[in-house]
Amino acid sequence: MSVHTNIRFQLKTAERHFRYACQQVMMISRQVEEVTRRYHGVDRTGDTISRYNIRLRLSILDGVRNMYYEFAAKKAAEIVELQQCVLDVISHTRRE
């Protein structure tokens, strides 16, 4: 496999992982909104046990969302680096 093909394969894989991570961040953000609404409803009723459970779920969702966000940010940086490598390989090939 040539260097160019290998880099393109890595780039496509990184882009796929980035898109999936972004989809997960959006999906989890919607879940956070729904659970937050539920939390405010329970907060008005004064049910402390349910409020605690919902608050715990919110914390977990927020942590998972942050991890996906960090993963997406790393993949975005990797994509930029790989795109630069592709351009370098193309420009090097044209000079020869």
PDB file of N, CA and C in Angstrom:
ATOM      1  N   MET A   1       0.845  -1.175   0.000  1.00  0.00           N
ATOM      2  CA  MET A   1       0.000   0.000   0.000  1.00  0.00           C
ATOM      3  C   MET A   1       0.897   1.248   0.000  1.00  0.00           C
ATOM      4  N   SER A   2       0.610   2.192  -0.877  1.00  0.00           N
ATOM      5  CA  SER A   2       1.439   3.390  -0.967  1.00  0.00           C
ATOM      6  C   SER A   2       1.200   4.301   0.240  1.00  0.00           C
ATOM      7  N   VAL A   3       2.111   5.225   0.430  1.00  0.00           N
ATOM      8  CA  VAL A   3       2.007   6.171   1.545  1.00  0.00           C
ATOM      9  C   VAL A   3       0.741   7.002   1.405  1.00  0.00           C
ATOM     10  N   HIS A   4       0.475   7.449   0.190  1.00  0.00           N
ATOM     11  CA  HIS A   4      -0.704   8.276  -0.068  1.00  0.00           C
ATOM     12  C   HIS A   4      -1.987   7.518   0.270  1.00  0.00           C
ATOM     13  N   THR A   5      -2.078   6.275  -0.158  1.00  0.00           N
ATOM     14  CA  THR A   5      -3.266   5.455   0.105  1.00  0.00           C
ATOM     15  C   THR A   5      -3.429   5.206   1.597  1.00  0.00           C
ATOM     16  N   ASN A   6      -2.330   4.945   2.273  1.00  0.00           N
ATOM     17  CA  ASN A   6      -2.375   4.700   3.712  1.00  0.00           C
ATOM     18  C   ASN A   6      -2.867   5.938   4.469  1.00  0.00           C
ATOM     19  N   ILE A   7      -2.356   7.106   4.091  1.00  0.00           N
ATOM     20  CA  ILE A   7      -2.780   8.348   4.744  1.00  0.00           C
ATOM     21  C   ILE A   7      -4.249   8.617   4.461  1.00  0.00           C
ATOM     22  N   ARG A   8      -4.687   8.388   3.223  1.00  0.00           N
ATOM     23  CA  ARG A   8      -6.105   8.602   2.871  1.00  0.00           C
ATOM     24  C   ARG A   8      -7.003   7.677   3.682  1.00  0.00           C
ATOM     25  N   PHE A   9      -6.573   6.430   3.874  1.00  0.00           N
ATOM     26  CA  PHE A   9      -7.345   5.480   4.675  1.00  0.00           C
ATOM     27  C   PHE A   9      -7.441   5.962   6.121  1.00  0.00           C
ATOM     28  N   GLN A  10      -6.320   6.410   6.678  1.00  0.00           N
ATOM     29  CA  GLN A  10      -6.331   6.939   8.046  1.00  0.00           C
ATOM     30  C   GLN A  10      -7.233   8.162   8.151  1.00  0.00           C
ATOM     31  N   LEU A  11      -7.215   9.000   7.126  1.00  0.00           N
ATOM     32  CA  LEU A  11      -8.044  10.202   7.108  1.00  0.00           C
ATOM     33  C   LEU A  11      -9.524   9.840   7.090  1.00  0.00           C
ATOM     34  N   LYS A  12      -9.911   8.907   6.237  1.00  0.00           N
ATOM     35  CA  LYS A  12     -11.317   8.480   6.168  1.00  0.00           C
ATOM     36  C   LYS A  12     -11.765   7.877   7.496  1.00  0.00           C
ATOM     37  N   THR A  13     -10.901   7.081   8.118  1.00  0.00           N
ATOM     38  CA  THR A  13     -11.235   6.472   9.408  1.00  0.00           C
ATOM     39  C   THR A  13     -11.411   7.546  10.477  1.00  0.00           C
ATOM     40  N   ALA A  14     -10.508   8.509  10.511  1.00  0.00           N
ATOM     41  CA  ALA A  14     -10.596   9.590  11.498  1.00  0.00           C
ATOM     42  C   ALA A  14     -11.858  10.421  11.280  1.00  0.00           C
ATOM     43  N   GLU A  15     -12.205  10.681  10.018  1.00  0.00           N
ATOM     44  CA  GLU A  15     -13.423  11.443   9.721  1.00  0.00           C
ATOM     45  C   GLU A  15     -14.668  10.692  10.170  1.00  0.00           C
ATOM     46  N   ARG A  16     -14.668   9.368   9.944  1.00  0.00           N
ATOM     47  CA  ARG A  16     -15.807   8.554  10.378  1.00  0.00           C
ATOM     48  C   ARG A  16     -15.947   8.594  11.898  1.00  0.00           C
ATOM     49  N   HIS A  17     -14.845   8.449  12.620  1.00  0.00           N
ATOM     50  CA  HIS A  17     -14.875   8.501  14.081  1.00  0.00           C
ATOM     51  C   HIS A  17     -15.316   9.880  14.577  1.00  0.00           C
ATOM     52  N   PHE A  18     -14.854  10.928  13.892  1.00  0.00           N
ATOM     53  CA  PHE A  18     -15.239  12.291  14.264  1.00  0.00           C
ATOM     54  C   PHE A  18     -16.743  12.500  14.101  1.00  0.00           C
ATOM     55  N   ARG A  19     -17.285  12.067  12.964  1.00  0.00           N
ATOM     56  CA  ARG A  19     -18.731  12.221  12.734  1.00  0.00           C
ATOM     57  C   ARG A  19     -19.540  11.473  13.783  1.00  0.00           C
ATOM     58  N   TYR A  20     -19.123  10.250  14.100  1.00  0.00           N
ATOM     59  CA  TYR A  20     -19.833   9.453  15.104  1.00  0.00           C
ATOM     60  C   TYR A  20     -19.782  10.144  16.470  1.00  0.00           C
ATOM     61  N   ALA A  21     -18.623  10.660  16.842  1.00  0.00           N
ATOM     62  CA  ALA A  21     -18.495  11.340  18.136  1.00  0.00           C
ATOM     63  C   ALA A  21     -19.383  12.580  18.181  1.00  0.00           C
ATOM     64  N   CYS A  22     -19.455  13.318  17.074  1.00  0.00           N
ATOM     65  CA  CYS A  22     -20.322  14.506  17.030  1.00  0.00           C
ATOM     66  C   CYS A  22     -21.791  14.113  17.162  1.00  0.00           C
ATOM     67  N   GLN A  23     -22.185  13.030  16.508  1.00  0.00           N
ATOM     68  CA  GLN A  23     -23.562  12.545  16.642  1.00  0.00           C
ATOM     69  C   GLN A  23     -23.864  12.165  18.084  1.00  0.00           C
ATOM     70  N   GLN A  24     -22.921  11.524  18.740  1.00  0.00           N
ATOM     71  CA  GLN A  24     -23.114  11.123  20.131  1.00  0.00           C
ATOM     72  C   GLN A  24     -23.231  12.348  21.038  1.00  0.00           C
ATOM     73  N   VAL A  25     -22.413  13.370  20.796  1.00  0.00           N
ATOM     74  CA  VAL A  25     -22.486  14.596  21.599  1.00  0.00           C
ATOM     75  C   VAL A  25     -23.864  15.230  21.451  1.00  0.00           C
ATOM     76  N   MET A  26     -24.378  15.291  20.221  1.00  0.00           N
ATOM     77  CA  MET A  26     -25.704  15.885  20.003  1.00  0.00           C
ATOM     78  C   MET A  26     -26.797  15.058  20.668  1.00  0.00           C
ATOM     79  N   MET A  27     -26.717  13.733  20.550  1.00  0.00           N
ATOM     80  CA  MET A  27     -27.723  12.867  21.152  1.00  0.00           C
ATOM     81  C   MET A  27     -27.707  12.994  22.676  1.00  0.00           C
ATOM     82  N   ILE A  28     -26.534  12.991  23.264  1.00  0.00           N
ATOM     83  CA  ILE A  28     -26.432  13.097  24.719  1.00  0.00           C
ATOM     84  C   ILE A  28     -26.886  14.478  25.177  1.00  0.00           C
ATOM     85  N   SER A  29     -26.626  15.512  24.396  1.00  0.00           N
ATOM     86  CA  SER A  29     -27.091  16.857  24.751  1.00  0.00           C
ATOM     87  C   SER A  29     -28.613  16.910  24.808  1.00  0.00           C
ATOM     88  N   ARG A  30     -29.269  16.230  23.867  1.00  0.00           N
ATOM     89  CA  ARG A  30     -30.740  16.170  23.909  1.00  0.00           C
ATOM     90  C   ARG A  30     -31.210  15.434  25.158  1.00  0.00           C
ATOM     91  N   GLN A  31     -30.520  14.348  25.507  1.00  0.00           N
ATOM     92  CA  GLN A  31     -30.886  13.614  26.717  1.00  0.00           C
ATOM     93  C   GLN A  31     -30.692  14.479  27.954  1.00  0.00           C
ATOM     94  N   VAL A  32     -29.628  15.272  27.987  1.00  0.00           N
ATOM     95  CA  VAL A  32     -29.384  16.165  29.125  1.00  0.00           C
ATOM     96  C   VAL A  32     -30.527  17.170  29.247  1.00  0.00           C
ATOM     97  N   GLU A  33     -30.982  17.709  28.120  1.00  0.00           N
ATOM     98  CA  GLU A  33     -32.104  18.653  28.150  1.00  0.00           C
ATOM     99  C   GLU A  33     -33.360  17.995  28.713  1.00  0.00           C
ATOM    100  N   GLU A  34     -33.657  16.772  28.265  1.00  0.00           N
ATOM    101  CA  GLU A  34     -34.841  16.060  28.747  1.00  0.00           C
ATOM    102  C   GLU A  34     -34.745  15.770  30.243  1.00  0.00           C
ATOM    103  N   VAL A  35     -33.596  15.299  30.680  1.00  0.00           N
ATOM    104  CA  VAL A  35     -33.420  14.960  32.092  1.00  0.00           C
ATOM    105  C   VAL A  35     -33.437  16.232  32.943  1.00  0.00           C
ATOM    106  N   THR A  36     -32.918  17.332  32.413  1.00  0.00           N
ATOM    107  CA  THR A  36     -32.955  18.603  33.145  1.00  0.00           C
ATOM    108  C   THR A  36     -34.394  19.058  33.350  1.00  0.00           C
ATOM    109  N   ARG A  37     -35.227  18.920  32.316  1.00  0.00           N
ATOM    110  CA  ARG A  37     -36.654  19.259  32.464  1.00  0.00           C
ATOM    111  C   ARG A  37     -37.302  18.394  33.535  1.00  0.00           C
ATOM    112  N   ARG A  38     -36.983  17.103  33.504  1.00  0.00           N
ATOM    113  CA  ARG A  38     -37.525  16.185  34.506  1.00  0.00           C
ATOM    114  C   ARG A  38     -37.051  16.578  35.909  1.00  0.00           C
ATOM    115  N   TYR A  39     -35.794  16.978  36.015  1.00  0.00           N
ATOM    116  CA  TYR A  39     -35.228  17.380  37.301  1.00  0.00           C
ATOM    117  C   TYR A  39     -35.974  18.589  37.862  1.00  0.00           C
ATOM    118  N   HIS A  40     -36.231  19.577  37.009  1.00  0.00           N
ATOM    119  CA  HIS A  40     -36.938  20.772  37.478  1.00  0.00           C
ATOM    120  C   HIS A  40     -38.369  20.447  37.897  1.00  0.00           C
ATOM    121  N   GLY A  41     -38.994  19.513  37.195  1.00  0.00           N
ATOM    122  CA  GLY A  41     -40.344  19.089  37.588  1.00  0.00           C
ATOM    123  C   GLY A  41     -40.347  18.417  38.948  1.00  0.00           C
ATOM    124  N   VAL A  42     -39.393  17.547  39.183  1.00  0.00           N
ATOM    125  CA  VAL A  42     -39.301  16.852  40.472  1.00  0.00           C
ATOM    126  C   VAL A  42     -38.879  17.828  41.563  1.00  0.00           C
ATOM    127  N   ASP A  43     -38.059  18.806  41.210  1.00  0.00           N
ATOM    128  CA  ASP A  43     -37.599  19.797  42.184  1.00  0.00           C
ATOM    129  C   ASP A  43     -38.778  20.596  42.731  1.00  0.00           C
ATOM    130  N   ARG A  44     -39.748  20.893  41.875  1.00  0.00           N
ATOM    131  CA  ARG A  44     -40.943  21.631  42.319  1.00  0.00           C
ATOM    132  C   ARG A  44     -41.801  20.812  43.273  1.00  0.00           C
ATOM    133  N   THR A  45     -41.823  19.485  43.081  1.00  0.00           N
ATOM    134  CA  THR A  45     -42.656  18.642  43.946  1.00  0.00           C
ATOM    135  C   THR A  45     -41.994  18.376  45.289  1.00  0.00           C
ATOM    136  N   GLY A  46     -40.682  18.532  45.370  1.00  0.00           N
ATOM    137  CA  GLY A  46     -39.975  18.325  46.629  1.00  0.00           C
ATOM    138  C   GLY A  46     -39.584  16.885  46.895  1.00  0.00           C
ATOM    139  N   ASP A  47     -39.642  16.020  45.885  1.00  0.00           N
ATOM    140  CA  ASP A  47     -39.269  14.612  46.039  1.00  0.00           C
ATOM    141  C   ASP A  47     -37.740  14.505  46.013  1.00  0.00           C
ATOM    142  N   THR A  48     -37.129  14.472  47.205  1.00  0.00           N
ATOM    143  CA  THR A  48     -35.666  14.528  47.286  1.00  0.00           C
ATOM    144  C   THR A  48     -34.985  13.269  46.754  1.00  0.00           C
ATOM    145  N   ILE A  49     -35.609  12.108  46.935  1.00  0.00           N
ATOM    146  CA  ILE A  49     -34.993  10.862  46.461  1.00  0.00           C
ATOM    147  C   ILE A  49     -34.933  10.846  44.933  1.00  0.00           C
ATOM    148  N   SER A  50     -36.049  11.166  44.295  1.00  0.00           N
ATOM    149  CA  SER A  50     -36.067  11.204  42.826  1.00  0.00           C
ATOM    150  C   SER A  50     -35.145  12.296  42.309  1.00  0.00           C
ATOM    151  N   ARG A  51     -35.129  13.416  42.998  1.00  0.00           N
ATOM    152  CA  ARG A  51     -34.270  14.523  42.578  1.00  0.00           C
ATOM    153  C   ARG A  51     -32.797  14.101  42.617  1.00  0.00           C
ATOM    154  N   TYR A  52     -32.415  13.373  43.660  1.00  0.00           N
ATOM    155  CA  TYR A  52     -31.034  12.891  43.777  1.00  0.00           C
ATOM    156  C   TYR A  52     -30.696  11.933  42.634  1.00  0.00           C
ATOM    157  N   ASN A  53     -31.597  10.994  42.357  1.00  0.00           N
ATOM    158  CA  ASN A  53     -31.359  10.026  41.275  1.00  0.00           C
ATOM    159  C   ASN A  53     -31.231  10.717  39.920  1.00  0.00           C
ATOM    160  N   ILE A  54     -32.090  11.689  39.677  1.00  0.00           N
ATOM    161  CA  ILE A  54     -32.043  12.410  38.403  1.00  0.00           C
ATOM    162  C   ILE A  54     -30.770  13.248  38.319  1.00  0.00           C
ATOM    163  N   ARG A  55     -30.394  13.869  39.431  1.00  0.00           N
ATOM    164  CA  ARG A  55     -29.169  14.670  39.449  1.00  0.00           C
ATOM    165  C   ARG A  55     -27.939  13.794  39.177  1.00  0.00           C
ATOM    166  N   LEU A  56     -27.946  12.589  39.729  1.00  0.00           N
ATOM    167  CA  LEU A  56     -26.856  11.643  39.485  1.00  0.00           C
ATOM    168  C   LEU A  56     -26.792  11.271  38.002  1.00  0.00           C
ATOM    169  N   ARG A  57     -27.961  11.026  37.413  1.00  0.00           N
ATOM    170  CA  ARG A  57     -28.012  10.701  35.978  1.00  0.00           C
ATOM    171  C   ARG A  57     -27.487  11.870  35.142  1.00  0.00           C
ATOM    172  N   LEU A  58     -27.852  13.097  35.533  1.00  0.00           N
ATOM    173  CA  LEU A  58     -27.363  14.280  34.826  1.00  0.00           C
ATOM    174  C   LEU A  58     -25.835  14.366  34.886  1.00  0.00           C
ATOM    175  N   SER A  59     -25.283  14.077  36.039  1.00  0.00           N
ATOM    176  CA  SER A  59     -23.824  14.130  36.193  1.00  0.00           C
ATOM    177  C   SER A  59     -23.139  13.106  35.296  1.00  0.00           C
ATOM    178  N   ILE A  60     -23.704  11.914  35.236  1.00  0.00           N
ATOM    179  CA  ILE A  60     -23.130  10.861  34.396  1.00  0.00           C
ATOM    180  C   ILE A  60     -23.218  11.244  32.921  1.00  0.00           C
ATOM    181  N   LEU A  61     -24.388  11.714  32.496  1.00  0.00           N
ATOM    182  CA  LEU A  61     -24.557  12.125  31.099  1.00  0.00           C
ATOM    183  C   LEU A  61     -23.588  13.243  30.739  1.00  0.00           C
ATOM    184  N   ASP A  62     -23.427  14.185  31.646  1.00  0.00           N
ATOM    185  CA  ASP A  62     -22.523  15.302  31.396  1.00  0.00           C
ATOM    186  C   ASP A  62     -21.079  14.815  31.257  1.00  0.00           C
ATOM    187  N   GLY A  63     -20.678  13.871  32.093  1.00  0.00           N
ATOM    188  CA  GLY A  63     -19.327  13.318  32.006  1.00  0.00           C
ATOM    189  C   GLY A  63     -19.092  12.562  30.715  1.00  0.00           C
ATOM    190  N   VAL A  64     -20.067  11.757  30.310  1.00  0.00           N
ATOM    191  CA  VAL A  64     -19.940  10.994  29.059  1.00  0.00           C
ATOM    192  C   VAL A  64     -19.897  11.949  27.868  1.00  0.00           C
ATOM    193  N   ARG A  65     -20.743  12.976  27.903  1.00  0.00           N
ATOM    194  CA  ARG A  65     -20.748  13.963  26.815  1.00  0.00           C
ATOM    195  C   ARG A  65     -19.386  14.658  26.717  1.00  0.00           C
ATOM    196  N   ASN A  66     -18.810  15.007  27.858  1.00  0.00           N
ATOM    197  CA  ASN A  66     -17.496  15.660  27.851  1.00  0.00           C
ATOM    198  C   ASN A  66     -16.411  14.751  27.276  1.00  0.00           C
ATOM    199  N   MET A  67     -16.485  13.460  27.571  1.00  0.00           N
ATOM    200  CA  MET A  67     -15.498  12.524  27.028  1.00  0.00           C
ATOM    201  C   MET A  67     -15.626  12.414  25.507  1.00  0.00           C
ATOM    202  N   TYR A  68     -16.870  12.331  25.008  1.00  0.00           N
ATOM    203  CA  TYR A  68     -17.062  12.300  23.553  1.00  0.00           C
ATOM    204  C   TYR A  68     -16.571  13.600  22.917  1.00  0.00           C
ATOM    205  N   TYR A  69     -16.807  14.726  23.604  1.00  0.00           N
ATOM    206  CA  TYR A  69     -16.365  16.017  23.084  1.00  0.00           C
ATOM    207  C   TYR A  69     -14.839  16.055  22.979  1.00  0.00           C
ATOM    208  N   GLU A  70     -14.153  15.576  24.009  1.00  0.00           N
ATOM    209  CA  GLU A  70     -12.689  15.536  23.976  1.00  0.00           C
ATOM    210  C   GLU A  70     -12.192  14.614  22.863  1.00  0.00           C
ATOM    211  N   PHE A  71     -12.857  13.470  22.702  1.00  0.00           N
ATOM    212  CA  PHE A  71     -12.487  12.532  21.643  1.00  0.00           C
ATOM    213  C   PHE A  71     -12.662  13.191  20.277  1.00  0.00           C
ATOM    214  N   ALA A  72     -13.789  13.898  20.088  1.00  0.00           N
ATOM    215  CA  ALA A  72     -14.044  14.576  18.814  1.00  0.00           C
ATOM    216  C   ALA A  72     -12.994  15.652  18.556  1.00  0.00           C
ATOM    217  N   ALA A  73     -12.607  16.373  19.595  1.00  0.00           N
ATOM    218  CA  ALA A  73     -11.585  17.413  19.432  1.00  0.00           C
ATOM    219  C   ALA A  73     -10.246  16.796  19.019  1.00  0.00           C
ATOM    220  N   LYS A  74      -9.890  15.660  19.601  1.00  0.00           N
ATOM    221  CA  LYS A  74      -8.644  14.980  19.220  1.00  0.00           C
ATOM    222  C   LYS A  74      -8.709  14.492  17.779  1.00  0.00           C
ATOM    223  N   LYS A  75      -9.867  13.958  17.392  1.00  0.00           N
ATOM    224  CA  LYS A  75     -10.015  13.481  16.014  1.00  0.00           C
ATOM    225  C   LYS A  75      -9.963  14.648  15.036  1.00  0.00           C
ATOM    226  N   ALA A  76     -10.522  15.798  15.408  1.00  0.00           N
ATOM    227  CA  ALA A  76     -10.469  16.969  14.535  1.00  0.00           C
ATOM    228  C   ALA A  76      -9.020  17.402  14.315  1.00  0.00           C
ATOM    229  N   ALA A  77      -8.231  17.386  15.375  1.00  0.00           N
ATOM    230  CA  ALA A  77      -6.811  17.735  15.244  1.00  0.00           C
ATOM    231  C   ALA A  77      -6.086  16.710  14.373  1.00  0.00           C
ATOM    232  N   GLU A  78      -6.431  15.445  14.542  1.00  0.00           N
ATOM    233  CA  GLU A  78      -5.822  14.385  13.730  1.00  0.00           C
ATOM    234  C   GLU A  78      -6.191  14.556  12.259  1.00  0.00           C
ATOM    235  N   ILE A  79      -7.435  14.936  11.990  1.00  0.00           N
ATOM    236  CA  ILE A  79      -7.891  15.142  10.612  1.00  0.00           C
ATOM    237  C   ILE A  79      -7.098  16.269   9.956  1.00  0.00           C
ATOM    238  N   VAL A  80      -6.923  17.365  10.676  1.00  0.00           N
ATOM    239  CA  VAL A  80      -6.161  18.491  10.126  1.00  0.00           C
ATOM    240  C   VAL A  80      -4.731  18.059   9.805  1.00  0.00           C
ATOM    241  N   GLU A  81      -4.137  17.309  10.716  1.00  0.00           N
ATOM    242  CA  GLU A  81      -2.764  16.828  10.508  1.00  0.00           C
ATOM    243  C   GLU A  81      -2.681  15.898   9.300  1.00  0.00           C
ATOM    244  N   LEU A  82      -3.640  14.983   9.176  1.00  0.00           N
ATOM    245  CA  LEU A  82      -3.634  14.050   8.047  1.00  0.00           C
ATOM    246  C   LEU A  82      -3.896  14.767   6.726  1.00  0.00           C
ATOM    247  N   GLN A  83      -4.776  15.774   6.743  1.00  0.00           N
ATOM    248  CA  GLN A  83      -5.022  16.541   5.526  1.00  0.00           C
ATOM    249  C   GLN A  83      -3.745  17.247   5.074  1.00  0.00           C
ATOM    250  N   GLN A  84      -2.998  17.758   6.039  1.00  0.00           N
ATOM    251  CA  GLN A  84      -1.728  18.410   5.702  1.00  0.00           C
ATOM    252  C   GLN A  84      -0.745  17.402   5.116  1.00  0.00           C
ATOM    253  N   CYS A  85      -0.732  16.186   5.672  1.00  0.00           N
ATOM    254  CA  CYS A  85       0.145  15.134   5.136  1.00  0.00           C
ATOM    255  C   CYS A  85      -0.231  14.789   3.700  1.00  0.00           C
ATOM    256  N   VAL A  86      -1.526  14.706   3.426  1.00  0.00           N
ATOM    257  CA  VAL A  86      -1.985  14.407   2.063  1.00  0.00           C
ATOM    258  C   VAL A  86      -1.518  15.501   1.113  1.00  0.00           C
ATOM    259  N   LEU A  87      -1.677  16.757   1.522  1.00  0.00           N
ATOM    260  CA  LEU A  87      -1.231  17.865   0.672  1.00  0.00           C
ATOM    261  C   LEU A  87       0.280  17.830   0.462  1.00  0.00           C
ATOM    262  N   ASP A  88       1.020  17.495   1.502  1.00  0.00           N
ATOM    263  CA  ASP A  88       2.480  17.393   1.372  1.00  0.00           C
ATOM    264  C   ASP A  88       2.872  16.289   0.397  1.00  0.00           C
ATOM    265  N   VAL A  89       2.205  15.139   0.486  1.00  0.00           N
ATOM    266  CA  VAL A  89       2.505  14.020  -0.415  1.00  0.00           C
ATOM    267  C   VAL A  89       2.173  14.406  -1.850  1.00  0.00           C
ATOM    268  N   ILE A  90       1.031  15.071  -2.044  1.00  0.00           N
ATOM    269  CA  ILE A  90       0.632  15.478  -3.397  1.00  0.00           C
ATOM    270  C   ILE A  90       1.633  16.483  -3.968  1.00  0.00           C
ATOM    271  N   SER A  91       2.005  17.486  -3.170  1.00  0.00           N
ATOM    272  CA  SER A  91       2.942  18.498  -3.679  1.00  0.00           C
ATOM    273  C   SER A  91       4.329  17.893  -3.917  1.00  0.00           C
ATOM    274  N   HIS A  92       4.725  16.942  -3.086  1.00  0.00           N
ATOM    275  CA  HIS A  92       6.021  16.272  -3.277  1.00  0.00           C
ATOM    276  C   HIS A  92       5.997  15.426  -4.546  1.00  0.00           C
ATOM    277  N   THR A  93       4.868  14.774  -4.816  1.00  0.00           N
ATOM    278  CA  THR A  93       4.734  13.934  -6.006  1.00  0.00           C
ATOM    279  C   THR A  93       4.778  14.784  -7.268  1.00  0.00           C
ATOM    280  N   ARG A  94       4.171  15.957  -7.239  1.00  0.00           N
ATOM    281  CA  ARG A  94       4.141  16.823  -8.424  1.00  0.00           C
ATOM    282  C   ARG A  94       5.524  17.375  -8.756  1.00  0.00           C
ATOM    283  N   ARG A  95       6.358  17.568  -7.738  1.00  0.00           N
ATOM    284  CA  ARG A  95       7.701  18.102  -7.969  1.00  0.00           C
ATOM    285  C   ARG A  95       8.600  17.100  -8.674  1.00  0.00           C
ATOM    286  N   GLU A  96       8.309  15.823  -8.508  1.00  0.00           N
ATOM    287  CA  GLU A  96       9.174  14.785  -9.089  1.00  0.00           C
ATOM    288  C   GLU A  96       8.905  14.550 -10.542  1.00  0.00           C
TER     289      GLU A  96
END
